[in-house]
Amino acid sequence: MGRLTESGRVAAKGVFAVPARFLLRLGVGPDAVTVVGTMGVAVGALAFYPRGELLVGTLVIAVFVFSDSLDGTMARLAGRTGSWGAFLDSTLDRIGDAAIFAGLVLWFLGDGDDLLLGTLALAGLVGGFLVSYARARAEGLGASAGGGILERSERLLIVLVGTGLSGLGVPYVQSAALWLVAVGAWVTVLQRVLAVRRDMAAGPRA
């Protein structure tokens, strides 16, 4: 999965170079694209998912998810890469993720009337946050906790594809997606905890 994600990022640099240059010429900054992208994801998830409009919500979200690559390309082209941009992007990513899973929780525990899927969506939300927290906390302590079987981009892709196909009437696919994301996120948390334990047990680096 990691290689697939990295390949996607490399390809995205070329795909988004043209719109990135266009927006920069208009005076639009990468931070603005990051904020607008997050707002679009949140609106798409919270306006449509709780009403059961899964396909429409997924399409709206998909449009704005591309901003995650666009803002990075803009920052590189403008020579504005740095800690602030990375912090803002990471923080707003958590908001977008929370909106997606919260929208699904509201649907399944409301008119969707499916306690199991609502619980799985909630488990995926909490697990995803713990994956990010484990890495951030480990790095703050000087340890390494990257990797795992299901990182953010893969979790997001799986849940959006599953939800979109469910909106088209394809049976069982969303259930499978939510099971995969929920279990995968928590396994990734465990993997990172064990990685930190091994790293710290090895003692301080020379």
Protein backbone atom coordinates (compact mmCIF):
# COMPACT_ATOMS: atom_id res chain seq x y z
CA MET A 1 0.00 0.00 0.00
CA GLY A 2 2.81 2.38 0.86
CA ARG A 3 4.38 2.02 -2.61
CA LEU A 4 1.00 2.58 -4.22
CA THR A 5 0.51 5.73 -2.18
CA GLU A 6 3.96 7.04 -3.05
CA SER A 7 3.41 6.33 -6.75
CA GLY A 8 0.13 8.22 -6.56
CA ARG A 9 1.84 11.20 -5.00
CA VAL A 10 4.50 11.29 -7.72
CA ALA A 11 1.83 11.12 -10.44
CA ALA A 12 -0.19 13.84 -8.69
CA LYS A 13 2.72 16.28 -8.94
CA GLY A 14 2.47 16.19 -12.71
CA VAL A 15 -1.32 16.13 -12.91
CA PHE A 16 -1.80 19.10 -10.59
CA ALA A 17 1.07 21.23 -11.88
CA VAL A 18 -1.05 23.07 -14.46
CA PRO A 19 -3.97 24.08 -12.17
CA ALA A 20 -1.46 24.86 -9.41
CA ARG A 21 0.40 27.33 -11.63
CA PHE A 22 -2.90 28.84 -12.79
CA LEU A 23 -4.11 29.47 -9.23
CA LEU A 24 -0.76 30.92 -8.21
CA ARG A 25 -0.93 33.36 -11.13
CA LEU A 26 -4.36 34.43 -9.87
CA GLY A 27 -2.83 35.17 -6.48
CA VAL A 28 -4.42 32.22 -4.69
CA GLY A 29 -2.16 30.76 -2.00
CA PRO A 30 -1.79 27.09 -1.03
CA ASP A 31 -3.16 27.74 2.47
CA ALA A 32 -6.41 29.08 0.98
CA VAL A 33 -6.75 25.95 -1.16
CA THR A 34 -6.19 23.79 1.93
CA VAL A 35 -8.91 25.60 3.88
CA VAL A 36 -11.44 25.60 1.02
CA GLY A 37 -10.77 21.93 0.34
CA THR A 38 -11.44 21.01 3.95
CA MET A 39 -14.62 23.07 4.01
CA GLY A 40 -15.82 21.35 0.84
CA VAL A 41 -15.16 17.89 2.25
CA ALA A 42 -16.93 18.76 5.51
CA VAL A 43 -19.96 20.22 3.75
CA GLY A 44 -20.18 17.29 1.34
CA ALA A 45 -20.05 14.78 4.18
CA LEU A 46 -22.27 16.50 6.72
CA ALA A 47 -24.86 17.87 4.30
CA PHE A 48 -25.44 14.68 2.30
CA TYR A 49 -24.38 11.59 4.25
CA PRO A 50 -26.76 12.05 7.23
CA ARG A 51 -29.65 12.23 4.73
CA GLY A 52 -28.60 9.02 3.01
CA GLU A 53 -27.44 10.77 -0.19
CA LEU A 54 -24.30 8.66 -0.25
CA LEU A 55 -23.41 8.95 -3.93
CA VAL A 56 -23.86 12.72 -4.13
CA GLY A 57 -21.94 13.24 -0.91
CA THR A 58 -19.08 11.06 -2.12
CA LEU A 59 -18.85 12.90 -5.45
CA VAL A 60 -18.74 16.27 -3.70
CA ILE A 61 -16.09 15.00 -1.28
CA ALA A 62 -14.03 13.50 -4.12
CA VAL A 63 -13.83 16.86 -5.88
CA PHE A 64 -12.45 18.60 -2.82
CA VAL A 65 -10.18 15.74 -1.73
CA PHE A 66 -8.00 16.58 -4.73
CA SER A 67 -7.06 19.83 -3.00
CA ASP A 68 -4.92 17.72 -0.67
CA SER A 69 -2.51 17.20 -3.58
CA LEU A 70 -3.12 20.55 -5.25
CA ASP A 71 -2.07 22.66 -2.26
CA GLY A 72 1.16 20.69 -1.85
CA THR A 73 2.01 21.19 -5.52
CA MET A 74 1.28 24.90 -5.22
CA ALA A 75 3.51 25.21 -2.16
CA ARG A 76 6.41 23.51 -3.95
CA LEU A 77 6.04 25.65 -7.06
CA ALA A 78 5.87 28.83 -4.97
CA GLY A 79 8.81 27.79 -2.78
CA ARG A 80 6.62 27.97 0.30
CA THR A 81 7.03 24.50 1.72
CA GLY A 82 7.67 24.49 5.44
CA SER A 83 6.50 23.55 8.90
CA TRP A 84 3.45 25.83 8.90
CA GLY A 85 2.00 24.38 5.71
CA ALA A 86 2.61 20.83 6.92
CA PHE A 87 0.96 21.60 10.27
CA LEU A 88 -2.07 23.26 8.69
CA ASP A 89 -2.52 20.47 6.14
CA SER A 90 -2.27 17.74 8.77
CA THR A 91 -4.64 19.48 11.17
CA LEU A 92 -7.29 20.16 8.54
CA ASP A 93 -6.97 16.60 7.24
CA ARG A 94 -8.20 15.43 10.64
CA ILE A 95 -11.22 17.74 10.36
CA GLY A 96 -12.09 16.37 6.92
CA ASP A 97 -11.72 12.77 8.08
CA ALA A 98 -13.88 13.45 11.13
CA ALA A 99 -16.61 14.98 8.97
CA ILE A 100 -16.68 11.97 6.61
CA PHE A 101 -16.96 9.37 9.35
CA ALA A 102 -19.28 11.52 11.47
CA GLY A 103 -21.63 11.89 8.50
CA LEU A 104 -21.75 8.12 8.13
CA VAL A 105 -22.29 7.61 11.86
CA LEU A 106 -25.20 10.07 11.80
CA TRP A 107 -26.76 8.23 8.86
CA PHE A 108 -26.41 4.71 10.21
CA LEU A 109 -27.48 5.61 13.73
CA GLY A 110 -30.33 7.72 12.38
CA ASP A 111 -32.52 7.04 9.35
CA GLY A 112 -30.06 4.45 8.03
CA ASP A 113 -30.99 2.33 11.05
CA ASP A 114 -27.90 0.11 11.14
CA LEU A 115 -26.26 -0.03 14.55
CA LEU A 116 -23.44 -2.32 13.39
CA LEU A 117 -22.33 -0.13 10.51
CA GLY A 118 -22.67 2.98 12.66
CA THR A 119 -20.41 1.36 15.25
CA LEU A 120 -17.89 0.36 12.58
CA ALA A 121 -17.83 3.91 11.22
CA LEU A 122 -17.22 5.22 14.73
CA ALA A 123 -14.47 2.63 15.27
CA GLY A 124 -12.86 3.72 12.00
CA LEU A 125 -13.00 7.35 13.07
CA VAL A 126 -11.43 6.76 16.48
CA GLY A 127 -8.87 4.31 15.10
CA GLY A 128 -7.84 6.74 12.39
CA PHE A 129 -7.26 9.49 14.93
CA LEU A 130 -5.20 7.16 17.11
CA VAL A 131 -3.03 6.19 14.13
CA SER A 132 -2.13 9.84 13.62
CA TYR A 133 -1.74 10.52 17.33
CA ALA A 134 0.57 7.53 17.83
CA ARG A 135 2.92 8.80 15.15
CA ALA A 136 2.88 12.39 16.34
CA ARG A 137 3.44 11.43 19.98
CA ALA A 138 6.22 9.00 19.08
CA GLU A 139 8.04 11.58 17.00
CA GLY A 140 7.70 14.06 19.85
CA LEU A 141 9.54 11.54 22.04
CA GLY A 142 12.23 10.95 19.45
CA ALA A 143 10.95 7.56 18.34
CA SER A 144 9.72 6.28 14.99
CA ALA A 145 6.13 5.11 14.40
CA GLY A 146 5.37 5.37 10.72
CA GLY A 147 3.87 2.79 8.40
CA GLY A 148 1.26 0.15 9.15
CA ILE A 149 -1.11 -1.88 7.02
CA LEU A 150 -3.65 0.91 6.47
CA GLU A 151 -2.57 4.53 6.45
CA ARG A 152 -4.79 7.57 5.98
CA SER A 153 -4.91 7.70 2.19
CA GLU A 154 -5.84 4.02 1.93
CA ARG A 155 -8.51 4.31 4.62
CA LEU A 156 -10.02 7.33 2.89
CA LEU A 157 -10.01 5.67 -0.52
CA ILE A 158 -11.64 2.50 0.79
CA VAL A 159 -14.43 4.25 2.69
CA LEU A 160 -15.22 6.66 -0.16
CA VAL A 161 -15.30 3.95 -2.83
CA GLY A 162 -17.42 1.73 -0.60
CA THR A 163 -19.83 4.56 0.21
CA GLY A 164 -20.09 5.72 -3.39
CA LEU A 165 -20.83 2.21 -4.66
CA SER A 166 -23.38 1.77 -1.90
CA GLY A 167 -25.04 4.94 -3.13
CA LEU A 168 -25.28 3.29 -6.56
CA GLY A 169 -27.09 0.36 -4.97
CA VAL A 170 -24.22 -2.15 -4.89
CA PRO A 171 -24.94 -4.43 -1.91
CA TYR A 172 -22.52 -5.33 0.89
CA VAL A 173 -19.66 -3.19 -0.42
CA GLN A 174 -19.98 -0.50 2.23
CA SER A 175 -20.20 -3.06 4.99
CA ALA A 176 -16.99 -4.66 3.71
CA ALA A 177 -15.30 -1.26 3.42
CA LEU A 178 -16.20 -0.23 6.96
CA TRP A 179 -15.07 -3.56 8.39
CA LEU A 180 -11.77 -3.25 6.53
CA VAL A 181 -11.17 0.34 7.62
CA ALA A 182 -12.16 -0.23 11.25
CA VAL A 183 -10.06 -3.37 11.68
CA GLY A 184 -7.19 -2.01 9.59
CA ALA A 185 -7.00 1.24 11.53
CA TRP A 186 -6.80 -0.52 14.90
CA VAL A 187 -4.23 -3.02 13.62
CA THR A 188 -2.18 -0.06 12.39
CA VAL A 189 -2.40 1.51 15.85
CA LEU A 190 -1.08 -1.71 17.37
CA GLN A 191 1.70 -1.90 14.80
CA ARG A 192 2.81 1.63 15.64
CA VAL A 193 2.69 1.00 19.38
CA LEU A 194 4.87 -2.08 18.95
CA ALA A 195 7.23 -0.19 16.64
CA VAL A 196 7.73 2.51 19.28
CA ARG A 197 8.27 -0.11 21.96
CA ARG A 198 10.98 -1.78 19.85
CA ASP A 199 12.55 1.57 19.03
CA MET A 200 12.71 2.65 22.66
CA ALA A 201 13.88 -0.76 23.87
CA ALA A 202 16.83 -0.49 21.48
CA GLY A 203 18.06 2.50 23.48
CA PRO A 204 19.11 5.99 22.38
CA ARG A 205 20.60 6.39 18.94
CA ALA A 206 24.26 7.22 18.67
